[in-house]
């Protein structure tokens, strides 16, 4: 099948030209606007051949880092539920846990025998280190062994910041999204994540200290962007929004003024977030109708840039 385009209304038409002799010119009629126009078969065949000979470039995954130096702001909860939501929407998602606590696997009800440590040290291949956690969702687990990897990275004489990128590069075209959960604080592995990611999502608990942590993180990010301009802050996600208390709403208003383009709809406080991990379930599995699940579905639509998802 070949495609011809009406020069008047730009309507595309699929046609079969296999049985039309070489050198012939036909007159096509647009079904949309009835405009008639000549089509040179040889020229159409040449365009078709050129298109088929051009190698197709595989789509590269969107690499989103979920981070903030302050702990207890909902990084892992956001990483897991955003990943699960994107998977439910039909995207192929890899969740990478770079935290020594390895809580992503716990929330998903999985106990990976290996993970990111073995991939970074070269002991295992990506296929051996990654496990499937749900339909469309894969996990590259973290854990205590990452503490040793951090020391290995620290001892590198040059190129230490690219260690993670080199290990994960073969996975770039295998997924639609690669979501990276990070640990609190600022260390060499966090720097590695920022040298690999292209988008940053920051969960900010609506309290004074996390807001200060956001300010400090932005200063650190600026130092990374001097060397890698590709990475940028795309999403600020307020968490633990309690509409019964005035202070969180005041902090949210301040965030909206500071980050007009990046601010997302707040994730409301919900007790199901603390209960779901005990059952190894995401918020969509444990309490799909609760306010928290509603809010994370909204975040999935925002990140995927598709308002029709998970309706």
Foldseek 3Di string as FASTA:
>chain_A
DFWDADPPPRDIDDDDCPPPDAQDKDWDADPPPRDIDIDHPVVRVVVVVVVVPDDDDFDFAAEEEEDFQDPDLCLLLLLLLLQVQLLVLPWQEEEEELDQQQCNCLLQVHDFPAFDLCLLVVVDAPVNQKDASDRSYIYRTHHNSSVVVLVVLVPDPDPSLQSSVVSCVVVGRVTRHYYYRYDHRDGSVVSNSQQRHQEYEYRAELDDVSVVRVVVVVVVVVVSCVPPVSHDYAAYEYEQDDVVDDSSVVSLVVVCVVCVRHYADYQHDDCVSVVSSVVSHRCCVRPVPDSNVVRSNRVSCVVVVHPPTPD
